[in-house]
Amino acid sequence: MVTARTHLWFGNNCAHEAAAFYAEHIPGSSVESVLTSPEGVPGAEAGEPFVVEFTVAGLPVTGLNAGPEFRLNEAFSFYLRVDSQEEVDRYWEVLTSDGGEPGPCGWCKDKFGISWQVIPKQLEELSGDYTTEANLRTMNAMLKMGKIDVAALEAAYRGE
């Protein structure tokens, strides 16, 4: 059987730390295994975490620590769909703390360099298929936000 999983190269060698952080803070996340590096692997310290198998909100991920040749960037992100403003606030705070960075339109970056989209279900519902004036007002309101504000999206949808 063929399977697919996300594979991330942690140029900052913090795959194990990141996996443990997600397991602590994101429901449905866990660390499955940590393989240490053997002698002679370029960019990896012998005996240190090398390949980390983990899950983020049910999504299987492999993290690789193999030196700084490649860096994570915004071309990859986790889309974290949440149910409420309270969850937006909670995950935004967790992900941007200790060196993380807020970004535009619901995007942020965590302290490990992973980009996240923290998106309340209300944004998807109010944006619809972008064909009505209300949908477009919602989208335009979102484009002016950093962290998503559900009340402001709802007001934009209503034309307020």
Protein backbone atom coordinates (compact mmCIF):
# COMPACT_ATOMS: atom_id res chain seq x y z
CA MET A 1 0.00 0.00 0.00
CA VAL A 2 1.28 3.46 -0.87
CA THR A 3 1.15 6.13 1.82
CA ALA A 4 2.16 9.76 1.99
CA ARG A 5 3.25 11.92 4.89
CA THR A 6 4.65 15.38 5.37
CA HIS A 7 8.46 15.47 5.62
CA LEU A 8 10.12 18.55 7.13
CA TRP A 9 13.84 19.31 7.23
CA PHE A 10 14.62 21.23 10.40
CA GLY A 11 17.78 23.16 9.50
CA ASN A 12 17.87 24.39 13.09
CA ASN A 13 18.03 20.76 14.35
CA CYS A 14 14.96 21.09 16.58
CA ALA A 15 12.63 18.45 15.09
CA HIS A 16 12.33 16.58 18.39
CA GLU A 17 11.75 19.78 20.40
CA ALA A 18 9.12 20.93 17.88
CA ALA A 19 7.35 17.55 17.90
CA ALA A 20 7.20 17.57 21.71
CA PHE A 21 5.88 21.16 21.68
CA TYR A 22 3.08 20.26 19.25
CA ALA A 23 2.23 17.12 21.25
CA GLU A 24 1.86 19.29 24.35
CA HIS A 25 -0.21 22.09 22.79
CA ILE A 26 -2.13 20.80 19.75
CA PRO A 27 -4.85 18.18 20.30
CA GLY A 28 -4.36 15.01 18.27
CA SER A 29 -0.58 15.46 18.26
CA SER A 30 2.06 13.05 19.55
CA VAL A 31 5.67 11.93 19.17
CA GLU A 32 5.86 8.38 17.84
CA SER A 33 9.60 7.75 17.57
CA VAL A 34 12.99 9.42 17.70
CA LEU A 35 15.94 7.87 15.88
CA THR A 36 19.38 9.16 16.79
CA SER A 37 22.05 9.93 14.26
CA PRO A 38 24.79 7.41 13.64
CA GLU A 39 28.42 8.56 13.22
CA GLY A 40 29.31 10.20 9.94
CA VAL A 41 26.01 11.74 8.85
CA PRO A 42 26.78 15.18 7.36
CA GLY A 43 25.14 17.98 9.35
CA ALA A 44 24.00 15.68 12.17
CA GLU A 45 25.57 15.11 15.57
CA ALA A 46 26.09 11.43 16.43
CA GLY A 47 23.70 10.32 19.15
CA GLU A 48 21.42 13.37 18.78
CA PRO A 49 17.84 13.21 17.44
CA PHE A 50 18.00 12.69 13.69
CA VAL A 51 14.66 11.38 12.37
CA VAL A 52 11.55 12.17 14.40
CA GLU A 53 8.20 10.60 13.56
CA PHE A 54 5.30 12.62 14.96
CA THR A 55 1.70 13.59 14.41
CA VAL A 56 0.23 17.10 14.32
CA ALA A 57 -3.55 17.22 14.75
CA GLY A 58 -3.81 13.76 13.18
CA LEU A 59 -1.41 14.47 10.30
CA PRO A 60 1.65 12.19 10.19
CA VAL A 61 4.95 14.07 9.91
CA THR A 62 8.59 13.10 9.64
CA GLY A 63 11.09 15.64 10.96
CA LEU A 64 14.72 15.46 9.87
CA ASN A 65 17.66 17.10 11.63
CA ALA A 66 20.47 17.11 9.10
CA GLY A 67 22.11 20.51 9.30
CA PRO A 68 21.33 23.95 7.95
CA GLU A 69 21.46 23.20 4.22
CA PHE A 70 17.71 23.66 3.89
CA ARG A 71 15.47 26.00 5.88
CA LEU A 72 11.75 25.94 6.55
CA ASN A 73 9.78 28.81 5.04
CA GLU A 74 6.24 29.98 4.35
CA ALA A 75 5.98 27.73 1.28
CA PHE A 76 4.80 25.10 3.76
CA SER A 77 2.30 25.73 6.55
CA PHE A 78 -0.04 23.86 8.82
CA TYR A 79 -3.65 24.96 8.37
CA LEU A 80 -5.14 24.84 11.86
CA ARG A 81 -8.92 25.08 11.55
CA VAL A 82 -10.51 26.01 14.86
CA ASP A 83 -14.07 26.47 16.14
CA SER A 84 -14.04 29.79 17.99
CA GLN A 85 -12.35 33.09 18.73
CA GLU A 86 -11.20 31.60 22.03
CA GLU A 87 -9.31 28.88 20.14
CA VAL A 88 -7.88 31.41 17.67
CA ASP A 89 -6.58 33.42 20.62
CA ARG A 90 -5.19 30.39 22.45
CA TYR A 91 -3.32 28.85 19.49
CA TRP A 92 -2.10 32.22 18.24
CA GLU A 93 -0.60 32.90 21.68
CA VAL A 94 1.01 29.45 21.91
CA LEU A 95 2.43 29.55 18.39
CA THR A 96 3.79 33.10 18.51
CA SER A 97 5.31 32.85 22.00
CA ASP A 98 9.02 32.47 22.80
CA GLY A 99 10.30 33.70 19.45
CA GLY A 100 7.36 32.97 17.17
CA GLU A 101 6.11 35.74 14.90
CA PRO A 102 2.65 37.05 14.02
CA GLY A 103 1.92 37.47 10.34
CA PRO A 104 -0.88 38.71 8.08
CA CYS A 105 -4.26 37.12 7.32
CA GLY A 106 -4.23 34.51 10.09
CA TRP A 107 -0.66 33.35 9.40
CA CYS A 108 2.00 33.12 12.05
CA LYS A 109 5.32 31.39 12.53
CA ASP A 110 6.29 29.36 15.58
CA LYS A 111 9.67 29.45 17.32
CA PHE A 112 10.85 26.47 15.24
CA GLY A 113 10.28 28.23 11.91
CA ILE A 114 7.06 26.43 10.97
CA SER A 115 4.33 28.60 9.45
CA TRP A 116 0.75 28.15 10.62
CA GLN A 117 -2.61 29.44 9.45
CA VAL A 118 -4.90 29.74 12.47
CA ILE A 119 -8.29 29.91 10.81
CA PRO A 120 -11.68 29.87 12.54
CA LYS A 121 -14.39 27.91 10.76
CA GLN A 122 -16.39 31.14 10.59
CA LEU A 123 -13.94 32.56 8.03
CA GLU A 124 -14.59 29.65 5.68
CA GLU A 125 -18.33 29.85 6.25
CA LEU A 126 -18.59 33.63 5.74
CA SER A 127 -16.21 33.69 2.76
CA GLY A 128 -18.22 31.02 0.99
CA ASP A 129 -17.12 30.73 -2.62
CA TYR A 130 -16.27 34.45 -2.91
CA THR A 131 -19.21 35.11 -5.22
CA THR A 132 -21.43 37.37 -3.14
CA GLU A 133 -20.78 40.91 -1.91
CA ALA A 134 -20.96 39.61 1.68
CA ASN A 135 -18.35 36.93 0.89
CA LEU A 136 -16.06 39.53 -0.66
CA ARG A 137 -16.48 41.93 2.27
CA THR A 138 -15.47 39.10 4.60
CA MET A 139 -12.39 38.30 2.53
CA ASN A 140 -11.36 41.94 2.34
CA ALA A 141 -11.73 42.31 6.12
CA MET A 142 -9.53 39.22 6.63
CA LEU A 143 -6.85 40.64 4.32
CA LYS A 144 -6.41 43.57 6.73
CA MET A 145 -6.01 41.35 9.82
CA GLY A 146 -3.11 39.66 11.51
CA LYS A 147 -4.76 37.33 13.99
CA ILE A 148 -8.29 36.63 12.76
CA ASP A 149 -11.07 38.48 14.59
CA VAL A 150 -14.34 36.55 14.22
CA ALA A 151 -16.57 39.44 15.39
CA ALA A 152 -14.99 41.77 12.81
CA LEU A 153 -15.50 39.14 10.07
CA GLU A 154 -19.16 38.79 11.02
CA ALA A 155 -19.60 42.59 11.01
CA ALA A 156 -17.98 42.81 7.56
CA TYR A 157 -20.25 40.05 6.28
CA ARG A 158 -23.28 42.02 7.49
CA GLY A 159 -21.93 45.18 5.87
CA GLU A 160 -21.31 47.02 9.13
